[in-house]
Amino acid sequence: MLIDLRMDGSKTLVIGGGKLGERKAKSLIKHQADVTIISETFTPTLVDLGKQGKVILVEQKLENATTSLRTHIKNSKLVFAATNDRTLNQLVSKLARESRVLVCAVDMPEICDFYSPAVFHRGSIRVGICTDGKSPIVSKVLKKRLSSQVTEMDCLNLEVQHHARELAKKKINNSSDRRDTLYKIFNDPGIHMKLESGKIGEAKTAAEAIIEKASQVQSSDD
């Protein structure tokens, strides 16, 4: 089951300062997570991110560091085991589960509580592809293929739908009628033409008119 977590300010722990840890850290930073990375060494990029204050770097030998790892894990919302040492990744997973903290061990799906999907963005639209940890390559290929299917028009439609939905929740009490009205707005040719011309303000105004008409019908039915 894919869940889109809000990571703003959430304490997230990455074990491993190599390329794997770097990729995870970069992704977490984009989602405004509070990232701590524990490793004996760090890539130059991670060192720079640490100097910029975008991540916290904890330089520590990971051999026989169970007590320290347990403390850091307990204080985290998510944990990523991103080392090339499978035994260490297994230990991190074990400690996380003991503390009831969700854990993802890179390339070891059998000890993961969740997987990191391949994600692409278009404005406020995010699409994730997950293969249950079986093949990151297939995820990336599908990501590239599907990304071309999401267009700028979809992003504009999203903005109109968000505006319309917030207004419809105030104007139309019946959830079924509200859903039908939003579909009508989505499929309206006039609104579609306005969006193609980049006239998003006029498109929102047209959506408001459709909602107002639907609310009047609802009032008369009541």
C-alpha atoms as a PDB file:
ATOM      1  CA  MET A   1       0.000   0.000   0.000  1.00  0.00           C
ATOM      2  CA  LEU A   2       1.487   3.317  -1.093  1.00  0.00           C
ATOM      3  CA  ILE A   3       1.179   6.130   1.457  1.00  0.00           C
ATOM      4  CA  ASP A   4       2.300   9.690   0.800  1.00  0.00           C
ATOM      5  CA  LEU A   5       3.819  10.772   4.117  1.00  0.00           C
ATOM      6  CA  ARG A   6       4.192  14.416   5.077  1.00  0.00           C
ATOM      7  CA  MET A   7       7.801  14.690   6.191  1.00  0.00           C
ATOM      8  CA  ASP A   8       7.996  18.415   7.035  1.00  0.00           C
ATOM      9  CA  GLY A   9      10.284  18.639  10.082  1.00  0.00           C
ATOM     10  CA  SER A  10      10.088  14.891  10.764  1.00  0.00           C
ATOM     11  CA  LYS A  11      13.230  13.404  12.282  1.00  0.00           C
ATOM     12  CA  THR A  12      14.644  10.916   9.803  1.00  0.00           C
ATOM     13  CA  LEU A  13      17.735   8.784  10.264  1.00  0.00           C
ATOM     14  CA  VAL A  14      19.981   7.499   7.488  1.00  0.00           C
ATOM     15  CA  ILE A  15      22.646   4.929   8.347  1.00  0.00           C
ATOM     16  CA  GLY A  16      25.380   5.127   5.754  1.00  0.00           C
ATOM     17  CA  GLY A  17      27.238   8.072   4.246  1.00  0.00           C
ATOM     18  CA  GLY A  18      28.009   6.628   0.814  1.00  0.00           C
ATOM     19  CA  LYS A  19      26.203   7.094  -2.487  1.00  0.00           C
ATOM     20  CA  LEU A  20      23.148   5.181  -1.241  1.00  0.00           C
ATOM     21  CA  GLY A  21      22.854   7.395   1.817  1.00  0.00           C
ATOM     22  CA  GLU A  22      23.428  10.488  -0.316  1.00  0.00           C
ATOM     23  CA  ARG A  23      20.515   9.625  -2.630  1.00  0.00           C
ATOM     24  CA  LYS A  24      18.202   9.040   0.311  1.00  0.00           C
ATOM     25  CA  ALA A  25      19.287  12.257   1.997  1.00  0.00           C
ATOM     26  CA  LYS A  26      18.701  14.343  -1.139  1.00  0.00           C
ATOM     27  CA  SER A  27      15.200  12.940  -1.515  1.00  0.00           C
ATOM     28  CA  LEU A  28      14.370  13.563   2.147  1.00  0.00           C
ATOM     29  CA  ILE A  29      15.679  17.130   1.981  1.00  0.00           C
ATOM     30  CA  LYS A  30      13.287  17.839  -0.909  1.00  0.00           C
ATOM     31  CA  HIS A  31      10.444  16.878   1.429  1.00  0.00           C
ATOM     32  CA  GLN A  32      11.719  19.155   4.226  1.00  0.00           C
ATOM     33  CA  ALA A  33      12.615  16.273   6.543  1.00  0.00           C
ATOM     34  CA  ASP A  34      14.974  16.781   9.478  1.00  0.00           C
ATOM     35  CA  VAL A  35      17.773  14.441   8.369  1.00  0.00           C
ATOM     36  CA  THR A  36      20.551  12.914  10.484  1.00  0.00           C
ATOM     37  CA  ILE A  37      23.163  10.701   8.837  1.00  0.00           C
ATOM     38  CA  ILE A  38      25.408   8.350  10.798  1.00  0.00           C
ATOM     39  CA  SER A  39      28.517   6.967   9.127  1.00  0.00           C
ATOM     40  CA  GLU A  40      32.250   6.534   9.476  1.00  0.00           C
ATOM     41  CA  THR A  41      32.781   8.530   6.256  1.00  0.00           C
ATOM     42  CA  PHE A  42      30.650  10.765   4.028  1.00  0.00           C
ATOM     43  CA  THR A  43      30.589  11.615   0.335  1.00  0.00           C
ATOM     44  CA  PRO A  44      31.779  15.132  -0.574  1.00  0.00           C
ATOM     45  CA  THR A  45      28.167  16.073  -1.381  1.00  0.00           C
ATOM     46  CA  LEU A  46      26.999  15.042   2.087  1.00  0.00           C
ATOM     47  CA  VAL A  47      29.869  16.978   3.643  1.00  0.00           C
ATOM     48  CA  ASP A  48      28.709  20.076   1.729  1.00  0.00           C
ATOM     49  CA  LEU A  49      25.089  19.506   2.779  1.00  0.00           C
ATOM     50  CA  GLY A  50      26.276  19.245   6.374  1.00  0.00           C
ATOM     51  CA  LYS A  51      28.185  22.526   6.121  1.00  0.00           C
ATOM     52  CA  GLN A  52      25.054  24.172   4.694  1.00  0.00           C
ATOM     53  CA  GLY A  53      23.025  22.946   7.663  1.00  0.00           C
ATOM     54  CA  LYS A  54      20.715  20.856   5.474  1.00  0.00           C
ATOM     55  CA  VAL A  55      21.615  17.607   7.242  1.00  0.00           C
ATOM     56  CA  ILE A  56      23.221  16.630  10.526  1.00  0.00           C
ATOM     57  CA  LEU A  57      26.297  14.432  10.120  1.00  0.00           C
ATOM     58  CA  VAL A  58      27.297  12.114  12.951  1.00  0.00           C
ATOM     59  CA  GLU A  59      30.743  10.633  12.348  1.00  0.00           C
ATOM     60  CA  GLN A  60      30.921   7.344  14.179  1.00  0.00           C
ATOM     61  CA  LYS A  61      32.285   3.850  13.771  1.00  0.00           C
ATOM     62  CA  LEU A  62      29.326   1.572  13.214  1.00  0.00           C
ATOM     63  CA  GLU A  63      30.988  -1.581  14.474  1.00  0.00           C
ATOM     64  CA  ASN A  64      29.754  -2.383  18.006  1.00  0.00           C
ATOM     65  CA  ALA A  65      27.615   0.790  17.996  1.00  0.00           C
ATOM     66  CA  THR A  66      24.360  -0.883  18.992  1.00  0.00           C
ATOM     67  CA  THR A  67      23.657   1.354  22.001  1.00  0.00           C
ATOM     68  CA  SER A  68      24.230   4.569  20.060  1.00  0.00           C
ATOM     69  CA  LEU A  69      22.199   3.386  17.075  1.00  0.00           C
ATOM     70  CA  ARG A  70      19.323   2.378  19.332  1.00  0.00           C
ATOM     71  CA  THR A  71      19.230   5.865  20.872  1.00  0.00           C
ATOM     72  CA  HIS A  72      19.219   7.621  17.496  1.00  0.00           C
ATOM     73  CA  ILE A  73      16.587   5.248  16.113  1.00  0.00           C
ATOM     74  CA  LYS A  74      14.227   5.797  19.054  1.00  0.00           C
ATOM     75  CA  ASN A  75      14.256   9.520  18.340  1.00  0.00           C
ATOM     76  CA  SER A  76      13.397   9.112  14.652  1.00  0.00           C
ATOM     77  CA  LYS A  77      10.185   8.788  12.669  1.00  0.00           C
ATOM     78  CA  LEU A  78      11.734   6.866   9.771  1.00  0.00           C
ATOM     79  CA  VAL A  79      15.012   4.989   9.428  1.00  0.00           C
ATOM     80  CA  PHE A  80      16.917   4.093   6.269  1.00  0.00           C
ATOM     81  CA  ALA A  81      19.633   1.447   6.441  1.00  0.00           C
ATOM     82  CA  ALA A  82      21.759   2.481   3.449  1.00  0.00           C
ATOM     83  CA  THR A  83      25.065   0.684   3.855  1.00  0.00           C
ATOM     84  CA  ASN A  84      26.751  -2.050   1.817  1.00  0.00           C
ATOM     85  CA  ASP A  85      27.021  -4.164   4.971  1.00  0.00           C
ATOM     86  CA  ARG A  86      24.029  -6.532   5.008  1.00  0.00           C
ATOM     87  CA  THR A  87      24.703  -7.587   8.606  1.00  0.00           C
ATOM     88  CA  LEU A  88      24.662  -3.958   9.731  1.00  0.00           C
ATOM     89  CA  ASN A  89      21.482  -3.275   7.772  1.00  0.00           C
ATOM     90  CA  GLN A  90      19.852  -6.263   9.475  1.00  0.00           C
ATOM     91  CA  LEU A  91      20.878  -4.904  12.874  1.00  0.00           C
ATOM     92  CA  VAL A  92      19.423  -1.481  12.065  1.00  0.00           C
ATOM     93  CA  SER A  93      16.175  -3.099  10.943  1.00  0.00           C
ATOM     94  CA  LYS A  94      16.009  -5.175  14.130  1.00  0.00           C
ATOM     95  CA  LEU A  95      16.623  -2.160  16.378  1.00  0.00           C
ATOM     96  CA  ALA A  96      14.056  -0.066  14.514  1.00  0.00           C
ATOM     97  CA  ARG A  97      11.370  -2.709  14.851  1.00  0.00           C
ATOM     98  CA  GLU A  98      12.133  -3.102  18.539  1.00  0.00           C
ATOM     99  CA  SER A  99      11.506   0.644  18.895  1.00  0.00           C
ATOM    100  CA  ARG A 100       8.442   0.472  16.595  1.00  0.00           C
ATOM    101  CA  VAL A 101      10.046   2.842  14.112  1.00  0.00           C
ATOM    102  CA  LEU A 102       9.444   2.230  10.401  1.00  0.00           C
ATOM    103  CA  VAL A 103      12.566   1.090   8.581  1.00  0.00           C
ATOM    104  CA  CYS A 104      13.700   0.649   4.986  1.00  0.00           C
ATOM    105  CA  ALA A 105      16.843  -1.354   4.255  1.00  0.00           C
ATOM    106  CA  VAL A 106      18.197  -0.621   0.784  1.00  0.00           C
ATOM    107  CA  ASP A 107      18.126  -3.676  -1.524  1.00  0.00           C
ATOM    108  CA  MET A 108      16.842  -5.899   1.311  1.00  0.00           C
ATOM    109  CA  PRO A 109      13.039  -5.931   0.908  1.00  0.00           C
ATOM    110  CA  GLU A 110      12.624  -8.879   3.255  1.00  0.00           C
ATOM    111  CA  ILE A 111      13.531  -6.719   6.278  1.00  0.00           C
ATOM    112  CA  CYS A 112      11.752  -3.534   5.195  1.00  0.00           C
ATOM    113  CA  ASP A 113       8.586  -2.057   6.653  1.00  0.00           C
ATOM    114  CA  PHE A 114       8.202   0.110   3.546  1.00  0.00           C
ATOM    115  CA  TYR A 115       9.798   0.657   0.153  1.00  0.00           C
ATOM    116  CA  SER A 116      10.893   3.880  -1.547  1.00  0.00           C
ATOM    117  CA  PRO A 117       8.989   4.154  -4.834  1.00  0.00           C
ATOM    118  CA  ALA A 118      10.388   5.738  -7.982  1.00  0.00           C
ATOM    119  CA  VAL A 119       8.672   9.124  -8.031  1.00  0.00           C
ATOM    120  CA  PHE A 120       8.240  11.837 -10.635  1.00  0.00           C
ATOM    121  CA  HIS A 121       6.772  15.326 -10.163  1.00  0.00           C
ATOM    122  CA  ARG A 122       4.675  17.651 -12.276  1.00  0.00           C
ATOM    123  CA  GLY A 123       3.727  20.682 -10.233  1.00  0.00           C
ATOM    124  CA  SER A 124       1.681  19.407  -7.292  1.00  0.00           C
ATOM    125  CA  ILE A 125       1.234  15.993  -8.912  1.00  0.00           C
ATOM    126  CA  ARG A 126       3.447  13.175  -7.690  1.00  0.00           C
ATOM    127  CA  VAL A 127       3.316   9.682  -9.127  1.00  0.00           C
ATOM    128  CA  GLY A 128       5.101   6.788  -7.441  1.00  0.00           C
ATOM    129  CA  ILE A 129       5.930   3.392  -8.912  1.00  0.00           C
ATOM    130  CA  CYS A 130       6.674   0.551  -6.542  1.00  0.00           C
ATOM    131  CA  THR A 131       7.628  -3.060  -7.334  1.00  0.00           C
ATOM    132  CA  ASP A 132       7.568  -4.326  -3.734  1.00  0.00           C
ATOM    133  CA  GLY A 133      11.331  -3.917  -3.659  1.00  0.00           C
ATOM    134  CA  LYS A 134      11.787  -6.513  -6.418  1.00  0.00           C
ATOM    135  CA  SER A 135      13.314  -4.342  -9.143  1.00  0.00           C
ATOM    136  CA  PRO A 136      14.406  -0.698  -8.896  1.00  0.00           C
ATOM    137  CA  ILE A 137      15.279  -0.857 -12.611  1.00  0.00           C
ATOM    138  CA  VAL A 138      11.703  -1.703 -13.610  1.00  0.00           C
ATOM    139  CA  SER A 139      10.467   1.104 -11.358  1.00  0.00           C
ATOM    140  CA  LYS A 140      12.775   3.596 -13.082  1.00  0.00           C
ATOM    141  CA  VAL A 141      11.804   2.427 -16.591  1.00  0.00           C
ATOM    142  CA  LEU A 142       8.104   2.726 -15.787  1.00  0.00           C
ATOM    143  CA  LYS A 143       8.702   6.112 -14.166  1.00  0.00           C
ATOM    144  CA  LYS A 144      10.292   7.405 -17.377  1.00  0.00           C
ATOM    145  CA  ARG A 145       7.498   5.943 -19.528  1.00  0.00           C
ATOM    146  CA  LEU A 146       4.622   7.256 -17.411  1.00  0.00           C
ATOM    147  CA  SER A 147       6.118  10.688 -16.753  1.00  0.00           C
ATOM    148  CA  SER A 148       5.443  11.655 -20.374  1.00  0.00           C
ATOM    149  CA  GLN A 149       1.738  10.968 -19.841  1.00  0.00           C
ATOM    150  CA  VAL A 150       1.288  13.635 -17.167  1.00  0.00           C
ATOM    151  CA  THR A 151       1.046  17.030 -18.845  1.00  0.00           C
ATOM    152  CA  GLU A 152       0.905  20.702 -17.916  1.00  0.00           C
ATOM    153  CA  MET A 153      -2.838  20.549 -18.556  1.00  0.00           C
ATOM    154  CA  ASP A 154      -3.139  17.969 -15.791  1.00  0.00           C
ATOM    155  CA  CYS A 155      -1.377  20.365 -13.421  1.00  0.00           C
ATOM    156  CA  LEU A 156      -3.706  23.222 -14.387  1.00  0.00           C
ATOM    157  CA  ASN A 157      -6.741  20.961 -13.991  1.00  0.00           C
ATOM    158  CA  LEU A 158      -5.483  20.054 -10.536  1.00  0.00           C
ATOM    159  CA  GLU A 159      -5.369  23.726  -9.530  1.00  0.00           C
ATOM    160  CA  VAL A 160      -8.930  24.290 -10.773  1.00  0.00           C
ATOM    161  CA  GLN A 161     -10.168  21.128  -9.064  1.00  0.00           C
ATOM    162  CA  HIS A 162      -8.564  22.125  -5.764  1.00  0.00           C
ATOM    163  CA  HIS A 163     -10.201  25.555  -5.941  1.00  0.00           C
ATOM    164  CA  ALA A 164     -13.537  24.048  -6.946  1.00  0.00           C
ATOM    165  CA  ARG A 165     -13.454  21.319  -4.311  1.00  0.00           C
ATOM    166  CA  GLU A 166     -12.848  23.757  -1.467  1.00  0.00           C
ATOM    167  CA  LEU A 167     -15.773  25.907  -2.649  1.00  0.00           C
ATOM    168  CA  ALA A 168     -18.018  22.922  -3.311  1.00  0.00           C
ATOM    169  CA  LYS A 169     -17.521  21.651   0.256  1.00  0.00           C
ATOM    170  CA  LYS A 170     -19.058  24.921   1.467  1.00  0.00           C
ATOM    171  CA  LYS A 171     -21.834  25.135  -1.104  1.00  0.00           C
ATOM    172  CA  ILE A 172     -22.969  21.545  -1.758  1.00  0.00           C
ATOM    173  CA  ASN A 173     -23.802  19.385   1.242  1.00  0.00           C
ATOM    174  CA  ASN A 174     -24.493  16.092  -0.498  1.00  0.00           C
ATOM    175  CA  SER A 175     -21.215  14.276  -1.207  1.00  0.00           C
ATOM    176  CA  SER A 176     -22.592  12.494  -4.268  1.00  0.00           C
ATOM    177  CA  ASP A 177     -23.822  15.764  -5.797  1.00  0.00           C
ATOM    178  CA  ARG A 178     -20.498  17.382  -4.934  1.00  0.00           C
ATOM    179  CA  ARG A 179     -18.565  14.624  -6.695  1.00  0.00           C
ATOM    180  CA  ASP A 180     -20.804  14.850  -9.785  1.00  0.00           C
ATOM    181  CA  THR A 181     -20.289  18.615  -9.921  1.00  0.00           C
ATOM    182  CA  LEU A 182     -16.518  18.267  -9.750  1.00  0.00           C
ATOM    183  CA  TYR A 183     -16.588  15.744 -12.597  1.00  0.00           C
ATOM    184  CA  LYS A 184     -18.740  18.168 -14.601  1.00  0.00           C
ATOM    185  CA  ILE A 185     -16.138  20.877 -14.059  1.00  0.00           C
ATOM    186  CA  PHE A 186     -13.323  18.516 -15.027  1.00  0.00           C
ATOM    187  CA  ASN A 187     -15.049  17.575 -18.292  1.00  0.00           C
ATOM    188  CA  ASP A 188     -16.379  21.036 -19.169  1.00  0.00           C
ATOM    189  CA  PRO A 189     -15.205  22.003 -22.725  1.00  0.00           C
ATOM    190  CA  GLY A 190     -15.255  25.727 -21.936  1.00  0.00           C
ATOM    191  CA  ILE A 191     -13.014  25.307 -18.927  1.00  0.00           C
ATOM    192  CA  HIS A 192     -10.745  23.048 -20.935  1.00  0.00           C
ATOM    193  CA  MET A 193     -10.360  25.734 -23.627  1.00  0.00           C
ATOM    194  CA  LYS A 194      -9.548  28.389 -21.034  1.00  0.00           C
ATOM    195  CA  LEU A 195      -6.850  26.194 -19.518  1.00  0.00           C
ATOM    196  CA  GLU A 196      -5.355  25.511 -22.943  1.00  0.00           C
ATOM    197  CA  SER A 197      -5.068  29.294 -23.332  1.00  0.00           C
ATOM    198  CA  GLY A 198      -3.472  29.614 -19.905  1.00  0.00           C
ATOM    199  CA  LYS A 199      -6.454  31.516 -18.511  1.00  0.00           C
ATOM    200  CA  ILE A 200      -6.594  29.709 -15.174  1.00  0.00           C
ATOM    201  CA  GLY A 201      -8.344  32.620 -13.440  1.00  0.00           C
ATOM    202  CA  GLU A 202     -11.199  32.521 -15.952  1.00  0.00           C
ATOM    203  CA  ALA A 203     -11.317  28.729 -15.644  1.00  0.00           C
ATOM    204  CA  LYS A 204     -11.760  29.032 -11.873  1.00  0.00           C
ATOM    205  CA  THR A 205     -14.513  31.610 -12.355  1.00  0.00           C
ATOM    206  CA  ALA A 206     -16.313  29.249 -14.743  1.00  0.00           C
ATOM    207  CA  ALA A 207     -16.008  26.458 -12.187  1.00  0.00           C
ATOM    208  CA  GLU A 208     -17.486  28.735  -9.532  1.00  0.00           C
ATOM    209  CA  ALA A 209     -20.498  29.353 -11.764  1.00  0.00           C
ATOM    210  CA  ILE A 210     -21.081  25.620 -12.174  1.00  0.00           C
ATOM    211  CA  ILE A 211     -20.899  25.132  -8.409  1.00  0.00           C
ATOM    212  CA  GLU A 212     -23.280  28.022  -7.783  1.00  0.00           C
ATOM    213  CA  LYS A 213     -25.808  26.534 -10.201  1.00  0.00           C
ATOM    214  CA  ALA A 214     -25.485  23.112  -8.538  1.00  0.00           C
ATOM    215  CA  SER A 215     -25.990  24.636  -5.091  1.00  0.00           C
ATOM    216  CA  GLN A 216     -29.159  26.391  -6.292  1.00  0.00           C
ATOM    217  CA  VAL A 217     -30.515  23.094  -7.627  1.00  0.00           C
ATOM    218  CA  GLN A 218     -29.740  21.485  -4.282  1.00  0.00           C
ATOM    219  CA  SER A 219     -31.603  24.259  -2.448  1.00  0.00           C
ATOM    220  CA  SER A 220     -34.655  23.867  -4.629  1.00  0.00           C
ATOM    221  CA  ASP A 221     -34.661  20.087  -4.086  1.00  0.00           C
ATOM    222  CA  ASP A 222     -34.491  20.631  -0.321  1.00  0.00           C
END
